Every structure is written in C-alpha cells, then in structure tokens.
C-alpha cells in the first residue's frame, strides 16, 4: 500500500507542476495590459487621418446640421440670427474639429461619421485650446 501511495503522490505532484506552468502570473497579465493600453491609442492615431479621408461630407440639409445652424462657408453665416458668431470662428479653429491646421476637411465630434469643411461653422463652435 505504501508503494501505491507514493506512486499516486508522484502523479499528483507531476500534474500540479504541469498545471502551474500553464497559468499566467498576475505580473504577466498587468504587463500585457499596460503594453496593449499603450499600443491601441497609437494605432488609432496612425489610422485617424486615413479614416477622416473616407468620411462623407456633412449635408447642410441634415436635421442635426440645420438645428445647429451649420453652414459650409462661415462667410455666409447670418450674424443677426446667430449673435454669438464672430468672423474668426470656423470649423478649422473649433475644439470639435478633428483635423490638423492645414486640412481642408476633417471629422467633427458633433457630427459623428461626417466630415466638415475647415471653413464651415455651427452654433456649437468652441475655441480650440492652444
């Protein structure tokens, strides 16, 4: 009986060692999460300009665009109907504009899935932080 017991103990320990080798440590999981957290935003930045190029332009007749007074050319804004409008306010200088300074069109946080011209304007305009 003693020999059989030792044999069973040896099988159990061998099984336990193999099982422990297949488990991930907490440190490995945290490291992997941090690495993934660093790479995911970087991938988004690389594909951001390509994604903006593929966005359809915002139609000024779109119900949301009309509700927010969107115009594709800021020089055509009715200043009497929009008293907060100033001639220097354009989509390209707005905090919601997702493009760079020289982009002719880019995505907008307000009009998701659509591109807006840099020279456009809407009532949600807010100064881009410096």
C-alpha atoms as a PDB file:
ATOM      1  CA  UNK A   1       0.000   0.000   0.000  1.00  0.00           C
ATOM      2  CA  UNK A   2       2.882   2.344   0.684  1.00  0.00           C
ATOM      3  CA  UNK A   3       4.318   1.898  -2.806  1.00  0.00           C
ATOM      4  CA  UNK A   4       0.941   2.620  -4.397  1.00  0.00           C
ATOM      5  CA  UNK A   5       0.512   5.744  -2.226  1.00  0.00           C
ATOM      6  CA  UNK A   6       3.919   7.069  -3.257  1.00  0.00           C
ATOM      7  CA  UNK A   7       3.109   6.446  -6.909  1.00  0.00           C
ATOM      8  CA  UNK A   8      -0.153   8.399  -6.565  1.00  0.00           C
ATOM      9  CA  UNK A   9       1.674  11.274  -4.802  1.00  0.00           C
ATOM     10  CA  UNK A  10       4.246  11.410  -7.613  1.00  0.00           C
ATOM     11  CA  UNK A  11       1.464  11.568 -10.233  1.00  0.00           C
ATOM     12  CA  UNK A  12      -0.293  14.319  -8.274  1.00  0.00           C
ATOM     13  CA  UNK A  13       2.863  16.428  -7.926  1.00  0.00           C
ATOM     14  CA  UNK A  14       3.751  15.987 -11.602  1.00  0.00           C
ATOM     15  CA  UNK A  15       0.221  17.022 -12.597  1.00  0.00           C
ATOM     16  CA  UNK A  16       0.370  20.031 -10.250  1.00  0.00           C
ATOM     17  CA  UNK A  17       3.729  21.207 -11.672  1.00  0.00           C
ATOM     18  CA  UNK A  18       2.444  20.965 -15.248  1.00  0.00           C
ATOM     19  CA  UNK A  19      -0.756  22.839 -14.298  1.00  0.00           C
ATOM     20  CA  UNK A  20       1.181  25.615 -12.538  1.00  0.00           C
ATOM     21  CA  UNK A  21       3.397  26.119 -15.579  1.00  0.00           C
ATOM     22  CA  UNK A  22       0.362  26.823 -17.763  1.00  0.00           C
ATOM     23  CA  UNK A  23      -1.047  29.580 -15.521  1.00  0.00           C
ATOM     24  CA  UNK A  24      -0.341  33.264 -16.051  1.00  0.00           C
ATOM     25  CA  UNK A  25       1.061  35.274 -13.195  1.00  0.00           C
ATOM     26  CA  UNK A  26      -0.591  38.495 -12.117  1.00  0.00           C
ATOM     27  CA  UNK A  27       2.562  40.362 -13.162  1.00  0.00           C
ATOM     28  CA  UNK A  28       2.321  38.968 -16.717  1.00  0.00           C
ATOM     29  CA  UNK A  29      -1.315  39.991 -17.013  1.00  0.00           C
ATOM     30  CA  UNK A  30      -0.624  43.540 -15.761  1.00  0.00           C
ATOM     31  CA  UNK A  31       2.360  43.928 -18.105  1.00  0.00           C
ATOM     32  CA  UNK A  32       0.321  42.728 -21.075  1.00  0.00           C
ATOM     33  CA  UNK A  33      -2.495  45.124 -20.218  1.00  0.00           C
ATOM     34  CA  UNK A  34      -0.134  48.084 -19.984  1.00  0.00           C
ATOM     35  CA  UNK A  35       1.523  47.243 -23.283  1.00  0.00           C
ATOM     36  CA  UNK A  36      -1.844  46.853 -25.025  1.00  0.00           C
ATOM     37  CA  UNK A  37      -3.017  50.106 -23.462  1.00  0.00           C
ATOM     38  CA  UNK A  38      -0.024  51.901 -24.964  1.00  0.00           C
ATOM     39  CA  UNK A  39      -0.359  50.444 -28.459  1.00  0.00           C
ATOM     40  CA  UNK A  40      -4.106  50.771 -29.026  1.00  0.00           C
ATOM     41  CA  UNK A  41      -4.160  54.615 -28.993  1.00  0.00           C
ATOM     42  CA  UNK A  42      -1.047  54.667 -31.202  1.00  0.00           C
ATOM     43  CA  UNK A  43      -2.838  52.525 -33.780  1.00  0.00           C
ATOM     44  CA  UNK A  44      -5.799  54.894 -33.649  1.00  0.00           C
ATOM     45  CA  UNK A  45      -3.544  57.880 -34.350  1.00  0.00           C
ATOM     46  CA  UNK A  46      -1.986  56.161 -37.340  1.00  0.00           C
ATOM     47  CA  UNK A  47      -5.322  55.293 -38.900  1.00  0.00           C
ATOM     48  CA  UNK A  48      -7.094  58.541 -37.913  1.00  0.00           C
ATOM     49  CA  UNK A  49      -6.117  60.555 -40.980  1.00  0.00           C
ATOM     50  CA  UNK A  50      -6.987  57.716 -43.328  1.00  0.00           C
ATOM     51  CA  UNK A  51     -10.365  57.276 -41.655  1.00  0.00           C
ATOM     52  CA  UNK A  52     -11.161  61.009 -41.894  1.00  0.00           C
ATOM     53  CA  UNK A  53     -10.439  60.959 -45.621  1.00  0.00           C
ATOM     54  CA  UNK A  54     -13.124  58.314 -46.096  1.00  0.00           C
ATOM     55  CA  UNK A  55     -15.900  60.197 -44.258  1.00  0.00           C
ATOM     56  CA  UNK A  56     -18.803  61.500 -46.349  1.00  0.00           C
ATOM     57  CA  UNK A  57     -19.305  65.275 -46.237  1.00  0.00           C
ATOM     58  CA  UNK A  58     -21.992  66.675 -43.935  1.00  0.00           C
ATOM     59  CA  UNK A  59     -25.099  67.753 -45.815  1.00  0.00           C
ATOM     60  CA  UNK A  60     -26.255  71.217 -44.617  1.00  0.00           C
ATOM     61  CA  UNK A  61     -29.829  69.910 -45.013  1.00  0.00           C
ATOM     62  CA  UNK A  62     -29.208  67.184 -42.423  1.00  0.00           C
ATOM     63  CA  UNK A  63     -31.651  67.699 -39.493  1.00  0.00           C
ATOM     64  CA  UNK A  64     -28.856  67.933 -36.902  1.00  0.00           C
ATOM     65  CA  UNK A  65     -26.898  70.339 -39.101  1.00  0.00           C
ATOM     66  CA  UNK A  66     -29.971  72.541 -39.522  1.00  0.00           C
ATOM     67  CA  UNK A  67     -30.724  72.502 -35.797  1.00  0.00           C
ATOM     68  CA  UNK A  68     -27.179  73.641 -35.059  1.00  0.00           C
ATOM     69  CA  UNK A  69     -27.139  76.281 -37.811  1.00  0.00           C
ATOM     70  CA  UNK A  70     -24.339  74.564 -39.761  1.00  0.00           C
ATOM     71  CA  UNK A  71     -23.093  76.325 -42.898  1.00  0.00           C
ATOM     72  CA  UNK A  72     -20.300  75.023 -45.134  1.00  0.00           C
ATOM     73  CA  UNK A  73     -18.915  78.554 -45.628  1.00  0.00           C
ATOM     74  CA  UNK A  74     -18.575  80.688 -42.486  1.00  0.00           C
ATOM     75  CA  UNK A  75     -18.657  83.906 -44.544  1.00  0.00           C
ATOM     76  CA  UNK A  76     -22.327  83.161 -45.283  1.00  0.00           C
ATOM     77  CA  UNK A  77     -23.462  82.966 -41.628  1.00  0.00           C
ATOM     78  CA  UNK A  78     -26.437  85.203 -40.832  1.00  0.00           C
ATOM     79  CA  UNK A  79     -24.993  87.278 -37.973  1.00  0.00           C
ATOM     80  CA  UNK A  80     -28.420  88.586 -36.942  1.00  0.00           C
ATOM     81  CA  UNK A  81     -29.779  85.048 -36.484  1.00  0.00           C
ATOM     82  CA  UNK A  82     -26.538  83.951 -34.732  1.00  0.00           C
ATOM     83  CA  UNK A  83     -25.470  86.786 -32.412  1.00  0.00           C
ATOM     84  CA  UNK A  84     -22.580  84.769 -30.935  1.00  0.00           C
ATOM     85  CA  UNK A  85     -20.925  84.399 -34.362  1.00  0.00           C
ATOM     86  CA  UNK A  86     -17.596  86.154 -34.976  1.00  0.00           C
ATOM     87  CA  UNK A  87     -15.849  86.177 -38.391  1.00  0.00           C
ATOM     88  CA  UNK A  88     -12.794  84.358 -36.958  1.00  0.00           C
ATOM     89  CA  UNK A  89     -14.913  81.360 -35.924  1.00  0.00           C
ATOM     90  CA  UNK A  90     -14.535  78.471 -38.374  1.00  0.00           C
ATOM     91  CA  UNK A  91     -14.609  74.695 -38.072  1.00  0.00           C
ATOM     92  CA  UNK A  92     -10.824  74.603 -38.501  1.00  0.00           C
ATOM     93  CA  UNK A  93     -10.370  76.594 -35.264  1.00  0.00           C
ATOM     94  CA  UNK A  94     -13.023  74.709 -33.289  1.00  0.00           C
ATOM     95  CA  UNK A  95     -12.244  72.274 -30.465  1.00  0.00           C
ATOM     96  CA  UNK A  96     -14.615  69.729 -32.046  1.00  0.00           C
ATOM     97  CA  UNK A  97     -12.713  69.684 -35.384  1.00  0.00           C
ATOM     98  CA  UNK A  98     -10.620  66.518 -35.632  1.00  0.00           C
ATOM     99  CA  UNK A  99      -8.274  67.618 -38.416  1.00  0.00           C
ATOM    100  CA  UNK A 100      -4.933  69.364 -38.397  1.00  0.00           C
ATOM    101  CA  UNK A 101      -4.473  73.063 -39.078  1.00  0.00           C
ATOM    102  CA  UNK A 102      -3.950  72.632 -42.848  1.00  0.00           C
ATOM    103  CA  UNK A 103      -6.696  70.072 -43.548  1.00  0.00           C
ATOM    104  CA  UNK A 104      -9.438  71.205 -45.927  1.00  0.00           C
ATOM    105  CA  UNK A 105     -11.963  68.797 -44.379  1.00  0.00           C
ATOM    106  CA  UNK A 106     -11.981  66.538 -41.340  1.00  0.00           C
ATOM    107  CA  UNK A 107     -14.261  64.720 -38.950  1.00  0.00           C
ATOM    108  CA  UNK A 108     -16.221  66.526 -36.254  1.00  0.00           C
ATOM    109  CA  UNK A 109     -17.117  65.294 -32.775  1.00  0.00           C
ATOM    110  CA  UNK A 110     -20.590  66.848 -33.087  1.00  0.00           C
ATOM    111  CA  UNK A 111     -21.442  65.372 -36.488  1.00  0.00           C
ATOM    112  CA  UNK A 112     -20.166  61.826 -35.977  1.00  0.00           C
ATOM    113  CA  UNK A 113     -19.376  59.888 -39.137  1.00  0.00           C
ATOM    114  CA  UNK A 114     -19.345  63.010 -41.333  1.00  0.00           C
ATOM    115  CA  UNK A 115     -16.617  65.367 -42.487  1.00  0.00           C
ATOM    116  CA  UNK A 116     -16.940  69.133 -42.278  1.00  0.00           C
ATOM    117  CA  UNK A 117     -15.023  71.798 -44.201  1.00  0.00           C
ATOM    118  CA  UNK A 118     -12.404  73.798 -42.292  1.00  0.00           C
ATOM    119  CA  UNK A 119     -14.191  76.983 -43.391  1.00  0.00           C
ATOM    120  CA  UNK A 120     -17.596  75.898 -42.051  1.00  0.00           C
ATOM    121  CA  UNK A 121     -19.385  76.996 -38.871  1.00  0.00           C
ATOM    122  CA  UNK A 122     -22.133  75.888 -36.466  1.00  0.00           C
ATOM    123  CA  UNK A 123     -23.612  77.113 -33.176  1.00  0.00           C
ATOM    124  CA  UNK A 124     -21.548  74.632 -31.158  1.00  0.00           C
ATOM    125  CA  UNK A 125     -18.262  76.309 -32.119  1.00  0.00           C
ATOM    126  CA  UNK A 126     -15.768  76.434 -29.210  1.00  0.00           C
ATOM    127  CA  UNK A 127     -12.204  77.772 -29.302  1.00  0.00           C
ATOM    128  CA  UNK A 128      -9.591  75.066 -29.834  1.00  0.00           C
ATOM    129  CA  UNK A 129      -7.178  75.049 -26.883  1.00  0.00           C
ATOM    130  CA  UNK A 130      -3.776  76.469 -27.662  1.00  0.00           C
END
